[in-house]
Amino acid sequence: EYVGNLLAMRHGSVLEHASWDFIITGVSRSFTHELVRHRAGWGYSQLSQRYVDESDVNFIEPAVIANNEFAHIMWLQAVETCKQVYQDLVRELEHAVKDSDVNATQRRKLVRQAARSVLPNATETMVFCTANARALRHFIELRGSAAADVEIRTVALKLLRLLQAEAPTLFGDYEITEESGVEVARTVNTKV
């Protein structure tokens, strides 16, 4: 009853005291570029392309491309070319900087940060997030809408389902409905 009143009265500041941690995997760097635009109430740690060798990286293919045979073939060719160029750049740059005055860790970072410039936004990544209930509600309202990018909407709805099970008092006022052929999140308690 108390939380219901907070939601109805839009006293969202109280919701900032409850927070959750998530590890979001199997998403593209394009997704995380959108995600990190949510700053207030969020904290992020993303897999580093400077420290992590991306030679065997996977890519996240948008469904609209995967569902079109010709587009799918073009996409596969493009990402495989990028992956091969990344590997070639790493080998070339490792050779080019092997005698430099910097230590091995710095050389490795230097090489990978330069080579990653050819990797596309479709490069798979993972991100660790901490967010409070108010920030999560805002995220779900914006990114759970029909106008949101498909990948981020999918994640917003997955988070909503988890949060409804974990904290029904804070997220039970949301419903997942269909709009224009896609699932969306709706609540009567907007802008809390």
N, C-alpha and C. Protein backbone atom coordinates (compact mmCIF):
# COMPACT_ATOMS: atom_id res chain seq x y z
N GLU A 1 0.84 -1.19 0.00
CA GLU A 1 0.00 0.00 0.00
C GLU A 1 0.88 1.26 0.00
N TYR A 2 1.93 1.22 0.83
CA TYR A 2 2.84 2.37 0.92
C TYR A 2 3.52 2.63 -0.43
N VAL A 3 4.08 1.57 -1.05
CA VAL A 3 4.76 1.73 -2.33
C VAL A 3 3.77 2.12 -3.41
N GLY A 4 2.58 1.55 -3.39
CA GLY A 4 1.54 1.94 -4.34
C GLY A 4 1.24 3.42 -4.26
N ASN A 5 1.20 3.95 -3.06
CA ASN A 5 0.96 5.39 -2.87
C ASN A 5 2.13 6.20 -3.42
N LEU A 6 3.37 5.73 -3.18
CA LEU A 6 4.54 6.43 -3.72
C LEU A 6 4.48 6.50 -5.25
N LEU A 7 4.09 5.39 -5.88
CA LEU A 7 3.99 5.36 -7.34
C LEU A 7 2.90 6.30 -7.83
N ALA A 8 1.74 6.25 -7.18
CA ALA A 8 0.61 7.10 -7.59
C ALA A 8 0.93 8.58 -7.41
N MET A 9 1.65 8.91 -6.36
CA MET A 9 2.00 10.31 -6.07
C MET A 9 3.27 10.75 -6.80
N ARG A 10 3.91 9.82 -7.49
CA ARG A 10 5.15 10.06 -8.25
C ARG A 10 6.31 10.53 -7.35
N HIS A 11 6.38 9.93 -6.17
CA HIS A 11 7.48 10.22 -5.25
C HIS A 11 8.63 9.25 -5.53
N GLY A 12 9.23 9.41 -6.70
CA GLY A 12 10.24 8.48 -7.17
C GLY A 12 11.54 8.50 -6.41
N SER A 13 11.84 9.57 -5.70
CA SER A 13 13.14 9.63 -5.01
C SER A 13 13.29 8.52 -3.99
N VAL A 14 12.21 8.07 -3.38
CA VAL A 14 12.27 6.99 -2.40
C VAL A 14 12.71 5.68 -3.08
N LEU A 15 12.37 5.53 -4.35
CA LEU A 15 12.71 4.31 -5.08
C LEU A 15 14.20 4.20 -5.38
N GLU A 16 14.92 5.28 -5.21
CA GLU A 16 16.36 5.27 -5.50
C GLU A 16 17.15 4.46 -4.49
N HIS A 17 16.53 4.05 -3.40
CA HIS A 17 17.23 3.30 -2.36
C HIS A 17 17.30 1.80 -2.66
N ALA A 18 16.45 1.32 -3.54
CA ALA A 18 16.46 -0.09 -3.92
C ALA A 18 17.23 -0.22 -5.23
N SER A 19 18.19 -1.15 -5.27
CA SER A 19 18.97 -1.29 -6.51
C SER A 19 19.22 -2.77 -6.82
N TRP A 20 19.54 -3.01 -8.09
CA TRP A 20 19.80 -4.35 -8.59
C TRP A 20 21.07 -4.34 -9.42
N ASP A 21 21.71 -5.49 -9.46
CA ASP A 21 22.88 -5.70 -10.32
C ASP A 21 22.50 -6.71 -11.39
N PHE A 22 22.95 -6.44 -12.61
CA PHE A 22 22.68 -7.33 -13.74
C PHE A 22 23.96 -7.52 -14.54
N ILE A 23 24.13 -8.71 -15.08
CA ILE A 23 25.14 -8.94 -16.10
C ILE A 23 24.36 -9.21 -17.38
N ILE A 24 24.51 -8.32 -18.34
CA ILE A 24 23.79 -8.45 -19.61
C ILE A 24 24.78 -8.96 -20.65
N THR A 25 24.51 -10.14 -21.18
CA THR A 25 25.41 -10.78 -22.14
C THR A 25 24.69 -11.01 -23.47
N GLY A 26 25.48 -11.33 -24.48
CA GLY A 26 24.89 -11.66 -25.77
C GLY A 26 24.25 -10.46 -26.45
N VAL A 27 24.81 -9.29 -26.19
CA VAL A 27 24.29 -8.05 -26.79
C VAL A 27 25.39 -7.39 -27.62
N SER A 28 24.98 -6.50 -28.47
CA SER A 28 25.93 -5.81 -29.34
C SER A 28 26.46 -4.54 -28.69
N ARG A 29 27.58 -4.07 -29.21
CA ARG A 29 28.10 -2.79 -28.75
C ARG A 29 27.15 -1.66 -29.15
N SER A 30 26.40 -1.87 -30.19
CA SER A 30 25.36 -0.90 -30.56
C SER A 30 24.36 -0.76 -29.41
N PHE A 31 23.97 -1.90 -28.84
CA PHE A 31 23.07 -1.89 -27.68
C PHE A 31 23.67 -1.11 -26.52
N THR A 32 24.94 -1.40 -26.19
CA THR A 32 25.53 -0.73 -25.03
C THR A 32 25.73 0.76 -25.28
N HIS A 33 25.92 1.17 -26.54
CA HIS A 33 26.00 2.60 -26.84
C HIS A 33 24.68 3.29 -26.47
N GLU A 34 23.57 2.60 -26.70
CA GLU A 34 22.26 3.14 -26.31
C GLU A 34 22.06 3.06 -24.80
N LEU A 35 22.43 1.93 -24.21
CA LEU A 35 22.22 1.72 -22.79
C LEU A 35 22.92 2.77 -21.93
N VAL A 36 24.18 3.05 -22.23
CA VAL A 36 24.95 3.95 -21.35
C VAL A 36 24.50 5.41 -21.45
N ARG A 37 23.54 5.69 -22.31
CA ARG A 37 22.95 7.03 -22.33
C ARG A 37 22.09 7.24 -21.08
N HIS A 38 21.73 6.15 -20.42
CA HIS A 38 20.98 6.22 -19.16
C HIS A 38 22.02 6.36 -18.05
N ARG A 39 22.21 7.53 -17.52
CA ARG A 39 23.27 7.77 -16.55
C ARG A 39 22.75 7.87 -15.11
N ALA A 40 21.75 8.70 -14.87
CA ALA A 40 21.28 8.90 -13.50
C ALA A 40 20.74 7.60 -12.93
N GLY A 41 21.33 7.16 -11.84
CA GLY A 41 20.88 5.94 -11.17
C GLY A 41 21.47 4.66 -11.72
N TRP A 42 22.39 4.76 -12.67
CA TRP A 42 23.01 3.59 -13.30
C TRP A 42 24.52 3.62 -13.09
N GLY A 43 25.12 2.45 -13.02
CA GLY A 43 26.57 2.29 -13.05
C GLY A 43 26.89 1.16 -14.02
N TYR A 44 28.00 1.27 -14.75
CA TYR A 44 28.34 0.30 -15.78
C TYR A 44 29.80 -0.12 -15.72
N SER A 45 30.04 -1.37 -16.06
CA SER A 45 31.38 -1.88 -16.34
C SER A 45 31.23 -2.78 -17.56
N GLN A 46 31.87 -2.37 -18.65
CA GLN A 46 31.73 -3.11 -19.91
C GLN A 46 33.01 -3.84 -20.25
N LEU A 47 32.85 -4.99 -20.90
CA LEU A 47 33.99 -5.76 -21.39
C LEU A 47 34.88 -4.85 -22.22
N SER A 48 36.16 -4.83 -21.93
CA SER A 48 37.11 -3.94 -22.59
C SER A 48 37.66 -4.55 -23.86
N GLN A 49 37.61 -3.80 -24.94
CA GLN A 49 38.24 -4.25 -26.19
C GLN A 49 39.73 -3.92 -26.19
N ARG A 50 40.20 -3.17 -25.23
CA ARG A 50 41.63 -2.89 -25.13
C ARG A 50 42.36 -4.03 -24.44
N TYR A 51 41.71 -4.65 -23.47
CA TYR A 51 42.35 -5.73 -22.71
C TYR A 51 42.01 -7.11 -23.26
N VAL A 52 40.84 -7.24 -23.87
CA VAL A 52 40.37 -8.54 -24.34
C VAL A 52 40.66 -8.69 -25.82
N ASP A 53 41.26 -9.81 -26.17
CA ASP A 53 41.54 -10.11 -27.57
C ASP A 53 40.22 -10.45 -28.26
N GLU A 54 39.90 -9.73 -29.31
CA GLU A 54 38.64 -9.91 -30.04
C GLU A 54 38.82 -10.78 -31.29
N SER A 55 39.90 -11.54 -31.38
CA SER A 55 40.15 -12.36 -32.57
C SER A 55 39.06 -13.39 -32.83
N ASP A 56 38.45 -13.91 -31.78
CA ASP A 56 37.39 -14.91 -31.93
C ASP A 56 36.03 -14.35 -31.54
N VAL A 57 35.85 -13.08 -31.73
CA VAL A 57 34.62 -12.39 -31.34
C VAL A 57 33.41 -12.90 -32.12
N ASN A 58 32.26 -12.83 -31.48
CA ASN A 58 30.98 -13.13 -32.13
C ASN A 58 30.29 -11.81 -32.45
N PHE A 59 29.29 -11.89 -33.28
CA PHE A 59 28.54 -10.71 -33.67
C PHE A 59 27.05 -10.96 -33.45
N ILE A 60 26.32 -9.91 -33.16
CA ILE A 60 24.88 -9.98 -32.93
C ILE A 60 24.18 -9.48 -34.18
N GLU A 61 23.47 -10.39 -34.83
CA GLU A 61 22.80 -10.05 -36.08
C GLU A 61 21.37 -9.59 -35.81
N PRO A 62 21.01 -8.41 -36.27
CA PRO A 62 19.62 -7.96 -36.11
C PRO A 62 18.66 -8.91 -36.84
N ALA A 63 17.52 -9.17 -36.24
CA ALA A 63 16.55 -10.11 -36.80
C ALA A 63 16.10 -9.69 -38.19
N VAL A 64 15.95 -8.41 -38.42
CA VAL A 64 15.50 -7.94 -39.74
C VAL A 64 16.48 -8.33 -40.83
N ILE A 65 17.75 -8.42 -40.48
CA ILE A 65 18.77 -8.88 -41.44
C ILE A 65 18.74 -10.41 -41.52
N ALA A 66 18.69 -11.07 -40.38
CA ALA A 66 18.71 -12.54 -40.35
C ALA A 66 17.52 -13.13 -41.11
N ASN A 67 16.42 -12.42 -41.12
CA ASN A 67 15.21 -12.92 -41.78
C ASN A 67 15.17 -12.64 -43.28
N ASN A 68 16.21 -12.01 -43.81
CA ASN A 68 16.28 -11.71 -45.24
C ASN A 68 17.51 -12.43 -45.78
N GLU A 69 17.31 -13.42 -46.61
CA GLU A 69 18.40 -14.28 -47.05
C GLU A 69 19.56 -13.49 -47.67
N PHE A 70 19.25 -12.57 -48.57
CA PHE A 70 20.30 -11.80 -49.24
C PHE A 70 21.00 -10.86 -48.25
N ALA A 71 20.23 -10.18 -47.41
CA ALA A 71 20.81 -9.28 -46.41
C ALA A 71 21.69 -10.06 -45.44
N HIS A 72 21.25 -11.25 -45.06
CA HIS A 72 22.00 -12.11 -44.13
C HIS A 72 23.37 -12.47 -44.73
N ILE A 73 23.40 -12.83 -46.00
CA ILE A 73 24.66 -13.17 -46.67
C ILE A 73 25.60 -11.96 -46.71
N MET A 74 25.06 -10.80 -47.06
CA MET A 74 25.88 -9.57 -47.09
C MET A 74 26.44 -9.27 -45.71
N TRP A 75 25.60 -9.39 -44.70
CA TRP A 75 26.01 -9.10 -43.32
C TRP A 75 27.11 -10.04 -42.87
N LEU A 76 26.94 -11.34 -43.14
CA LEU A 76 27.97 -12.32 -42.77
C LEU A 76 29.31 -12.00 -43.43
N GLN A 77 29.27 -11.65 -44.71
CA GLN A 77 30.51 -11.30 -45.42
C GLN A 77 31.17 -10.08 -44.77
N ALA A 78 30.38 -9.09 -44.43
CA ALA A 78 30.93 -7.86 -43.84
C ALA A 78 31.57 -8.12 -42.48
N VAL A 79 30.88 -8.84 -41.60
CA VAL A 79 31.44 -9.06 -40.26
C VAL A 79 32.65 -9.99 -40.30
N GLU A 80 32.62 -10.97 -41.18
CA GLU A 80 33.78 -11.86 -41.30
C GLU A 80 34.99 -11.11 -41.84
N THR A 81 34.76 -10.19 -42.77
CA THR A 81 35.85 -9.35 -43.29
C THR A 81 36.42 -8.50 -42.16
N CYS A 82 35.56 -7.89 -41.37
CA CYS A 82 36.01 -7.06 -40.24
C CYS A 82 36.83 -7.88 -39.25
N LYS A 83 36.35 -9.08 -38.97
CA LYS A 83 37.06 -9.96 -38.03
C LYS A 83 38.45 -10.32 -38.57
N GLN A 84 38.53 -10.64 -39.85
CA GLN A 84 39.81 -11.00 -40.45
C GLN A 84 40.76 -9.80 -40.45
N VAL A 85 40.25 -8.62 -40.78
CA VAL A 85 41.09 -7.42 -40.79
C VAL A 85 41.58 -7.12 -39.37
N TYR A 86 40.72 -7.29 -38.37
CA TYR A 86 41.14 -7.12 -36.98
C TYR A 86 42.32 -8.04 -36.67
N GLN A 87 42.20 -9.32 -36.99
CA GLN A 87 43.27 -10.28 -36.73
C GLN A 87 44.56 -9.91 -37.46
N ASP A 88 44.41 -9.48 -38.72
CA ASP A 88 45.58 -9.07 -39.51
C ASP A 88 46.24 -7.83 -38.91
N LEU A 89 45.43 -6.87 -38.49
CA LEU A 89 45.98 -5.65 -37.86
C LEU A 89 46.71 -5.98 -36.57
N VAL A 90 46.15 -6.86 -35.76
CA VAL A 90 46.80 -7.24 -34.51
C VAL A 90 48.18 -7.84 -34.80
N ARG A 91 48.24 -8.76 -35.74
CA ARG A 91 49.54 -9.37 -36.08
C ARG A 91 50.53 -8.32 -36.58
N GLU A 92 50.08 -7.48 -37.49
CA GLU A 92 50.97 -6.45 -38.07
C GLU A 92 51.44 -5.47 -37.01
N LEU A 93 50.52 -5.00 -36.18
CA LEU A 93 50.89 -4.00 -35.18
C LEU A 93 51.74 -4.60 -34.06
N GLU A 94 51.49 -5.85 -33.70
CA GLU A 94 52.35 -6.51 -32.71
C GLU A 94 53.79 -6.54 -33.20
N HIS A 95 53.95 -6.84 -34.47
CA HIS A 95 55.29 -6.85 -35.08
C HIS A 95 55.89 -5.45 -35.10
N ALA A 96 55.04 -4.47 -35.44
CA ALA A 96 55.53 -3.09 -35.58
C ALA A 96 55.96 -2.47 -34.25
N VAL A 97 55.32 -2.86 -33.13
CA VAL A 97 55.64 -2.22 -31.85
C VAL A 97 56.47 -3.12 -30.93
N LYS A 98 56.93 -4.26 -31.43
CA LYS A 98 57.62 -5.22 -30.55
C LYS A 98 58.89 -4.65 -29.92
N ASP A 99 59.52 -3.72 -30.57
CA ASP A 99 60.77 -3.17 -30.03
C ASP A 99 60.58 -1.80 -29.37
N SER A 100 59.33 -1.41 -29.14
CA SER A 100 59.09 -0.10 -28.52
C SER A 100 59.47 -0.15 -27.04
N ASP A 101 59.58 1.03 -26.46
CA ASP A 101 60.04 1.15 -25.07
C ASP A 101 58.96 0.85 -24.03
N VAL A 102 57.73 0.69 -24.45
CA VAL A 102 56.66 0.45 -23.47
C VAL A 102 56.61 -1.03 -23.10
N ASN A 103 56.03 -1.32 -21.91
CA ASN A 103 55.98 -2.70 -21.43
C ASN A 103 54.97 -3.53 -22.24
N ALA A 104 54.99 -4.83 -22.04
CA ALA A 104 54.18 -5.75 -22.83
C ALA A 104 52.68 -5.47 -22.71
N THR A 105 52.22 -5.14 -21.51
CA THR A 105 50.79 -4.85 -21.31
C THR A 105 50.40 -3.61 -22.09
N GLN A 106 51.21 -2.58 -22.04
CA GLN A 106 50.92 -1.34 -22.78
C GLN A 106 50.95 -1.58 -24.29
N ARG A 107 51.89 -2.38 -24.75
CA ARG A 107 51.95 -2.71 -26.18
C ARG A 107 50.69 -3.45 -26.62
N ARG A 108 50.27 -4.41 -25.81
CA ARG A 108 49.07 -5.19 -26.13
C ARG A 108 47.84 -4.27 -26.19
N LYS A 109 47.71 -3.35 -25.23
CA LYS A 109 46.59 -2.40 -25.24
C LYS A 109 46.66 -1.49 -26.45
N LEU A 110 47.85 -1.01 -26.76
CA LEU A 110 48.04 -0.13 -27.91
C LEU A 110 47.61 -0.81 -29.21
N VAL A 111 48.00 -2.05 -29.37
CA VAL A 111 47.67 -2.83 -30.57
C VAL A 111 46.17 -3.06 -30.65
N ARG A 112 45.57 -3.54 -29.57
CA ARG A 112 44.14 -3.87 -29.59
C ARG A 112 43.26 -2.64 -29.74
N GLN A 113 43.65 -1.54 -29.10
CA GLN A 113 42.80 -0.35 -29.24
C GLN A 113 42.84 0.20 -30.65
N ALA A 114 43.94 0.03 -31.35
CA ALA A 114 44.00 0.46 -32.75
C ALA A 114 43.24 -0.51 -33.65
N ALA A 115 43.43 -1.81 -33.43
CA ALA A 115 42.79 -2.81 -34.29
C ALA A 115 41.27 -2.83 -34.12
N ARG A 116 40.78 -2.52 -32.93
CA ARG A 116 39.33 -2.56 -32.70
C ARG A 116 38.57 -1.54 -33.53
N SER A 117 39.28 -0.58 -34.10
CA SER A 117 38.62 0.46 -34.89
C SER A 117 37.90 -0.10 -36.10
N VAL A 118 38.23 -1.31 -36.53
CA VAL A 118 37.55 -1.90 -37.69
C VAL A 118 36.38 -2.80 -37.29
N LEU A 119 36.18 -3.03 -36.00
CA LEU A 119 35.08 -3.89 -35.57
C LEU A 119 33.77 -3.11 -35.61
N PRO A 120 32.70 -3.76 -36.06
CA PRO A 120 31.41 -3.07 -36.20
C PRO A 120 30.64 -2.97 -34.88
N ASN A 121 29.59 -2.16 -34.89
CA ASN A 121 28.71 -2.06 -33.73
C ASN A 121 28.04 -3.38 -33.39
N ALA A 122 28.02 -4.31 -34.32
CA ALA A 122 27.41 -5.62 -34.09
C ALA A 122 28.30 -6.53 -33.24
N THR A 123 29.49 -6.09 -32.88
CA THR A 123 30.40 -6.90 -32.07
C THR A 123 29.74 -7.24 -30.73
N GLU A 124 29.77 -8.53 -30.38
CA GLU A 124 29.15 -8.96 -29.13
C GLU A 124 29.94 -8.47 -27.94
N THR A 125 29.22 -8.11 -26.89
CA THR A 125 29.86 -7.66 -25.66
C THR A 125 29.02 -8.09 -24.47
N MET A 126 29.50 -7.77 -23.29
CA MET A 126 28.73 -7.95 -22.07
C MET A 126 28.97 -6.73 -21.19
N VAL A 127 27.99 -6.44 -20.36
CA VAL A 127 28.08 -5.27 -19.50
C VAL A 127 27.48 -5.61 -18.14
N PHE A 128 28.18 -5.20 -17.10
CA PHE A 128 27.69 -5.34 -15.72
C PHE A 128 27.04 -4.02 -15.36
N CYS A 129 25.81 -4.07 -14.86
CA CYS A 129 25.08 -2.84 -14.54
C CYS A 129 24.55 -2.89 -13.12
N THR A 130 24.55 -1.75 -12.50
CA THR A 130 23.83 -1.55 -11.25
C THR A 130 22.86 -0.40 -11.50
N ALA A 131 21.61 -0.59 -11.11
CA ALA A 131 20.62 0.47 -11.33
C ALA A 131 19.62 0.45 -10.19
N ASN A 132 19.15 1.65 -9.83
CA ASN A 132 18.13 1.72 -8.79
C ASN A 132 16.73 1.62 -9.41
N ALA A 133 15.74 1.39 -8.57
CA ALA A 133 14.37 1.14 -9.04
C ALA A 133 13.83 2.31 -9.86
N ARG A 134 14.11 3.51 -9.46
CA ARG A 134 13.62 4.68 -10.21
C ARG A 134 14.24 4.72 -11.60
N ALA A 135 15.55 4.49 -11.69
CA ALA A 135 16.23 4.50 -12.98
C ALA A 135 15.73 3.36 -13.87
N LEU A 136 15.48 2.20 -13.26
CA LEU A 136 14.97 1.06 -14.02
C LEU A 136 13.57 1.34 -14.56
N ARG A 137 12.73 1.98 -13.76
CA ARG A 137 11.38 2.31 -14.24
C ARG A 137 11.47 3.28 -15.43
N HIS A 138 12.33 4.26 -15.33
CA HIS A 138 12.51 5.22 -16.43
C HIS A 138 13.00 4.50 -17.68
N PHE A 139 13.99 3.63 -17.51
CA PHE A 139 14.53 2.85 -18.62
C PHE A 139 13.43 2.01 -19.28
N ILE A 140 12.66 1.32 -18.48
CA ILE A 140 11.60 0.45 -19.00
C ILE A 140 10.54 1.26 -19.74
N GLU A 141 10.19 2.42 -19.21
CA GLU A 141 9.20 3.27 -19.90
C GLU A 141 9.71 3.71 -21.27
N LEU A 142 10.96 4.16 -21.33
CA LEU A 142 11.50 4.65 -22.60
C LEU A 142 11.84 3.51 -23.56
N ARG A 143 12.55 2.51 -23.06
CA ARG A 143 13.09 1.47 -23.93
C ARG A 143 12.15 0.28 -24.10
N GLY A 144 11.08 0.26 -23.35
CA GLY A 144 10.08 -0.78 -23.51
C GLY A 144 8.96 -0.37 -24.43
N SER A 145 9.14 0.72 -25.15
CA SER A 145 8.10 1.24 -26.04
C SER A 145 8.30 0.74 -27.47
N ALA A 146 7.26 0.86 -28.28
CA ALA A 146 7.32 0.43 -29.68
C ALA A 146 8.33 1.24 -30.47
N ALA A 147 8.61 2.46 -30.05
CA ALA A 147 9.54 3.33 -30.77
C ALA A 147 11.00 3.01 -30.49
N ALA A 148 11.26 2.19 -29.48
CA ALA A 148 12.64 1.88 -29.08
C ALA A 148 13.28 0.91 -30.08
N ASP A 149 14.61 0.93 -30.10
CA ASP A 149 15.39 -0.03 -30.89
C ASP A 149 15.02 -1.45 -30.46
N VAL A 150 14.96 -2.36 -31.41
CA VAL A 150 14.52 -3.73 -31.15
C VAL A 150 15.35 -4.41 -30.06
N GLU A 151 16.67 -4.31 -30.15
CA GLU A 151 17.54 -5.02 -29.19
C GLU A 151 17.37 -4.47 -27.79
N ILE A 152 17.30 -3.16 -27.64
CA ILE A 152 17.18 -2.58 -26.30
C ILE A 152 15.78 -2.80 -25.74
N ARG A 153 14.76 -2.83 -26.61
CA ARG A 153 13.40 -3.12 -26.15
C ARG A 153 13.33 -4.56 -25.63
N THR A 154 13.98 -5.47 -26.32
CA THR A 154 14.01 -6.87 -25.88
C THR A 154 14.62 -6.98 -24.49
N VAL A 155 15.73 -6.28 -24.27
CA VAL A 155 16.38 -6.31 -22.95
C VAL A 155 15.50 -5.63 -21.90
N ALA A 156 14.89 -4.50 -22.24
CA ALA A 156 14.02 -3.80 -21.28
C ALA A 156 12.88 -4.70 -20.83
N LEU A 157 12.28 -5.44 -21.74
CA LEU A 157 11.18 -6.33 -21.39
C LEU A 157 11.66 -7.53 -20.58
N LYS A 158 12.87 -8.04 -20.87
CA LYS A 158 13.43 -9.13 -20.06
C LYS A 158 13.69 -8.64 -18.63
N LEU A 159 14.26 -7.44 -18.52
CA LEU A 159 14.50 -6.89 -17.18
C LEU A 159 13.18 -6.69 -16.44
N LEU A 160 12.16 -6.18 -17.15
CA LEU A 160 10.86 -5.97 -16.51
C LEU A 160 10.31 -7.30 -15.98
N ARG A 161 10.37 -8.33 -16.77
CA ARG A 161 9.87 -9.63 -16.31
C ARG A 161 10.63 -10.12 -15.06
N LEU A 162 11.94 -9.95 -15.06
CA LEU A 162 12.74 -10.33 -13.88
C LEU A 162 12.34 -9.50 -12.67
N LEU A 163 12.20 -8.21 -12.88
CA LEU A 163 11.89 -7.31 -11.77
C LEU A 163 10.47 -7.52 -11.25
N GLN A 164 9.54 -7.86 -12.12
CA GLN A 164 8.19 -8.14 -11.66
C GLN A 164 8.17 -9.37 -10.76
N ALA A 165 9.00 -10.36 -11.07
CA ALA A 165 9.09 -11.56 -10.23
C ALA A 165 9.82 -11.25 -8.92
N GLU A 166 10.87 -10.43 -9.02
CA GLU A 166 11.71 -10.10 -7.85
C GLU A 166 11.06 -9.07 -6.94
N ALA A 167 10.42 -8.06 -7.51
CA ALA A 167 9.88 -6.95 -6.72
C ALA A 167 8.52 -6.52 -7.30
N PRO A 168 7.51 -7.37 -7.14
CA PRO A 168 6.20 -7.06 -7.72
C PRO A 168 5.58 -5.77 -7.19
N THR A 169 5.92 -5.38 -5.98
CA THR A 169 5.37 -4.15 -5.44
C THR A 169 5.88 -2.93 -6.20
N LEU A 170 7.14 -2.99 -6.64
CA LEU A 170 7.73 -1.85 -7.37
C LEU A 170 7.48 -1.89 -8.87
N PHE A 171 7.26 -3.08 -9.43
CA PHE A 171 7.14 -3.20 -10.88
C PHE A 171 5.85 -3.90 -11.33
N GLY A 172 4.98 -4.24 -10.39
CA GLY A 172 3.74 -4.94 -10.73
C GLY A 172 2.71 -4.08 -11.43
N ASP A 173 2.90 -2.77 -11.42
CA ASP A 173 1.94 -1.90 -12.10
C ASP A 173 2.17 -1.87 -13.61
N TYR A 174 3.23 -2.50 -14.08
CA TYR A 174 3.50 -2.58 -15.53
C TYR A 174 2.76 -3.77 -16.11
N GLU A 175 2.36 -3.63 -17.35
CA GLU A 175 1.86 -4.76 -18.11
C GLU A 175 2.58 -4.80 -19.44
N ILE A 176 2.76 -5.99 -19.94
CA ILE A 176 3.37 -6.16 -21.25
C ILE A 176 2.24 -6.46 -22.22
N THR A 177 2.09 -5.58 -23.19
CA THR A 177 1.03 -5.71 -24.18
C THR A 177 1.64 -5.71 -25.58
N GLU A 178 0.79 -5.83 -26.56
CA GLU A 178 1.27 -5.80 -27.94
C GLU A 178 0.79 -4.50 -28.60
N GLU A 179 1.72 -3.88 -29.32
CA GLU A 179 1.41 -2.65 -30.05
C GLU A 179 2.12 -2.73 -31.40
N SER A 180 1.39 -2.55 -32.45
CA SER A 180 1.96 -2.60 -33.80
C SER A 180 2.76 -3.89 -34.04
N GLY A 181 2.28 -4.98 -33.47
CA GLY A 181 2.92 -6.27 -33.69
C GLY A 181 4.13 -6.56 -32.83
N VAL A 182 4.44 -5.68 -31.87
CA VAL A 182 5.59 -5.93 -30.98
C VAL A 182 5.16 -5.80 -29.52
N GLU A 183 5.87 -6.52 -28.65
CA GLU A 183 5.61 -6.40 -27.22
C GLU A 183 6.13 -5.07 -26.70
N VAL A 184 5.36 -4.44 -25.82
CA VAL A 184 5.75 -3.18 -25.20
C VAL A 184 5.37 -3.19 -23.72
N ALA A 185 5.99 -2.32 -22.95
CA ALA A 185 5.69 -2.17 -21.53
C ALA A 185 4.81 -0.94 -21.34
N ARG A 186 3.80 -1.08 -20.48
CA ARG A 186 2.89 0.03 -20.18
C ARG A 186 2.67 0.10 -18.67
N THR A 187 2.52 1.32 -18.17
CA THR A 187 2.12 1.52 -16.77
C THR A 187 1.26 2.77 -16.67
N VAL A 188 0.38 2.79 -15.69
CA VAL A 188 -0.41 4.00 -15.44
C VAL A 188 0.40 4.98 -14.60
N ASN A 189 1.44 4.49 -13.94
CA ASN A 189 2.28 5.32 -13.07
C ASN A 189 3.55 5.76 -13.82
N THR A 190 3.37 6.66 -14.77
CA THR A 190 4.51 7.12 -15.58
C THR A 190 5.29 8.21 -14.86
N LYS A 191 6.54 8.36 -15.25
CA LYS A 191 7.42 9.42 -14.77
C LYS A 191 7.52 9.48 -13.25
N VAL A 192 7.67 8.32 -12.64
CA VAL A 192 7.82 8.28 -11.18
C VAL A 192 9.21 8.72 -10.81
